[in-house]
Amino acid sequence: MSQPDYVKILGQKYVGQEWALNGDNYDGLIWLSDTPKPTQAELDAYWPEVDYNDQVAAVEQTRLTAYEKQSDPVFFKWQRGDATELEWREAVAKVKAENPYPPAP
């Protein structure tokens, strides 16, 4: 697993809180909100979930692009009667197979 990205963790898990980060490690975290500053252990515990969510978002973006190029044209052919629903569903399945989701943490 990669090193925790505190900017991503804070951005996703501490929405609305004010902070600054000098560098890329916990020692550079300056907590500006009135709430208690999270510990490094708390932030590190969030990392697998945040990293997984980022990976899923990347797969979804890749799939969207692939659907537009590969399966959408088949869908429109199906709508015109030039292809079958099965051909369209197979094109969608191929995109999903080529761009699988990462294993859950």
Protein backbone atom coordinates (compact mmCIF):
# COMPACT_ATOMS: atom_id res chain seq x y z
CA MET A 1 0.00 0.00 0.00
CA SER A 2 1.18 3.50 -0.72
CA GLN A 3 2.07 6.11 1.85
CA PRO A 4 -0.88 8.08 3.24
CA ASP A 5 -1.73 11.22 1.30
CA TYR A 6 -2.78 13.60 4.05
CA VAL A 7 -4.16 16.19 1.65
CA LYS A 8 -6.56 13.63 0.21
CA ILE A 9 -7.48 12.27 3.63
CA LEU A 10 -8.14 15.71 5.10
CA GLY A 11 -10.01 16.80 1.99
CA GLN A 12 -12.36 13.81 2.12
CA LYS A 13 -12.73 13.18 5.83
CA TYR A 14 -12.47 16.66 7.33
CA VAL A 15 -14.64 18.68 4.98
CA GLY A 16 -15.21 22.18 6.29
CA GLN A 17 -12.21 22.09 8.63
CA GLU A 18 -9.40 24.55 8.20
CA TRP A 19 -5.85 23.32 8.04
CA ALA A 20 -2.57 23.78 6.21
CA LEU A 21 0.06 21.23 5.38
CA ASN A 22 3.71 22.16 5.06
CA GLY A 23 5.27 19.29 3.15
CA ASP A 24 3.66 15.90 2.82
CA ASN A 25 3.92 14.39 6.28
CA TYR A 26 1.95 14.71 9.48
CA ASP A 27 4.58 16.88 11.18
CA GLY A 28 3.73 19.65 8.72
CA LEU A 29 0.00 19.68 9.57
CA ILE A 30 -1.12 23.00 10.99
CA TRP A 31 -4.64 22.70 12.41
CA LEU A 32 -6.58 25.96 12.13
CA SER A 33 -10.07 24.78 13.12
CA ASP A 34 -11.57 24.93 16.59
CA THR A 35 -12.10 21.17 16.58
CA PRO A 36 -9.39 18.88 17.94
CA LYS A 37 -6.55 18.16 15.54
CA PRO A 38 -6.74 14.55 14.35
CA THR A 39 -3.85 12.33 15.33
CA GLN A 40 -1.53 10.79 12.80
CA ALA A 41 -2.96 7.37 13.72
CA GLU A 42 -6.50 8.61 12.98
CA LEU A 43 -5.46 9.97 9.60
CA ASP A 44 -3.45 6.85 8.76
CA ALA A 45 -6.48 4.68 9.59
CA TYR A 46 -8.52 6.52 6.96
CA TRP A 47 -5.93 6.02 4.22
CA PRO A 48 -7.01 2.57 2.94
CA GLU A 49 -10.59 3.83 2.44
CA VAL A 50 -9.53 7.11 0.83
CA ASP A 51 -7.03 5.36 -1.45
CA TYR A 52 -9.66 2.76 -2.43
CA ASN A 53 -12.21 5.49 -3.20
CA ASP A 54 -9.67 7.24 -5.43
CA GLN A 55 -8.94 4.00 -7.27
CA VAL A 56 -12.67 3.36 -7.79
CA ALA A 57 -13.14 6.90 -9.09
CA ALA A 58 -10.30 6.38 -11.57
CA VAL A 59 -11.85 3.11 -12.81
CA GLU A 60 -15.23 4.80 -13.18
CA GLN A 61 -13.69 7.60 -15.24
CA THR A 62 -11.84 5.11 -17.42
CA ARG A 63 -15.04 3.10 -17.87
CA LEU A 64 -17.00 6.22 -18.81
CA THR A 65 -14.51 7.03 -21.55
CA ALA A 66 -14.54 3.43 -22.75
CA TYR A 67 -18.34 3.27 -22.75
CA GLU A 68 -18.46 6.40 -24.91
CA LYS A 69 -16.04 4.89 -27.42
CA GLN A 70 -16.99 1.21 -27.35
CA SER A 71 -20.49 0.48 -26.10
CA ASP A 72 -22.42 3.69 -26.79
CA PRO A 73 -22.10 3.30 -30.56
CA VAL A 74 -23.47 -0.24 -30.26
CA PHE A 75 -26.33 1.06 -28.12
CA PHE A 76 -27.32 3.57 -30.79
CA LYS A 77 -27.06 0.87 -33.47
CA TRP A 78 -29.36 -1.27 -31.34
CA GLN A 79 -31.83 1.62 -31.06
CA ARG A 80 -31.82 1.94 -34.87
CA GLY A 81 -32.26 -1.79 -35.33
CA ASP A 82 -28.74 -2.31 -36.69
CA ALA A 83 -27.51 -4.31 -33.67
CA THR A 84 -29.04 -6.43 -30.96
CA GLU A 85 -29.46 -5.72 -27.28
CA LEU A 86 -27.18 -8.67 -26.63
CA GLU A 87 -24.39 -7.07 -28.70
CA TRP A 88 -24.74 -3.87 -26.67
CA ARG A 89 -24.73 -5.76 -23.35
CA GLU A 90 -21.64 -7.68 -24.47
CA ALA A 91 -19.89 -4.40 -25.32
CA VAL A 92 -20.72 -3.07 -21.85
CA ALA A 93 -19.51 -6.30 -20.23
CA LYS A 94 -16.25 -6.09 -22.17
CA VAL A 95 -15.61 -2.57 -20.86
CA LYS A 96 -16.26 -3.75 -17.30
CA ALA A 97 -14.01 -6.78 -17.72
CA GLU A 98 -11.18 -4.66 -19.11
CA ASN A 99 -11.53 -2.11 -16.28
CA PRO A 100 -12.22 -4.02 -13.07
CA TYR A 101 -12.68 -2.39 -9.70
CA PRO A 102 -9.81 -2.84 -7.25
CA PRO A 103 -10.28 -5.29 -4.40
CA ALA A 104 -11.87 -3.68 -1.36
CA PRO A 105 -9.48 -2.88 1.49
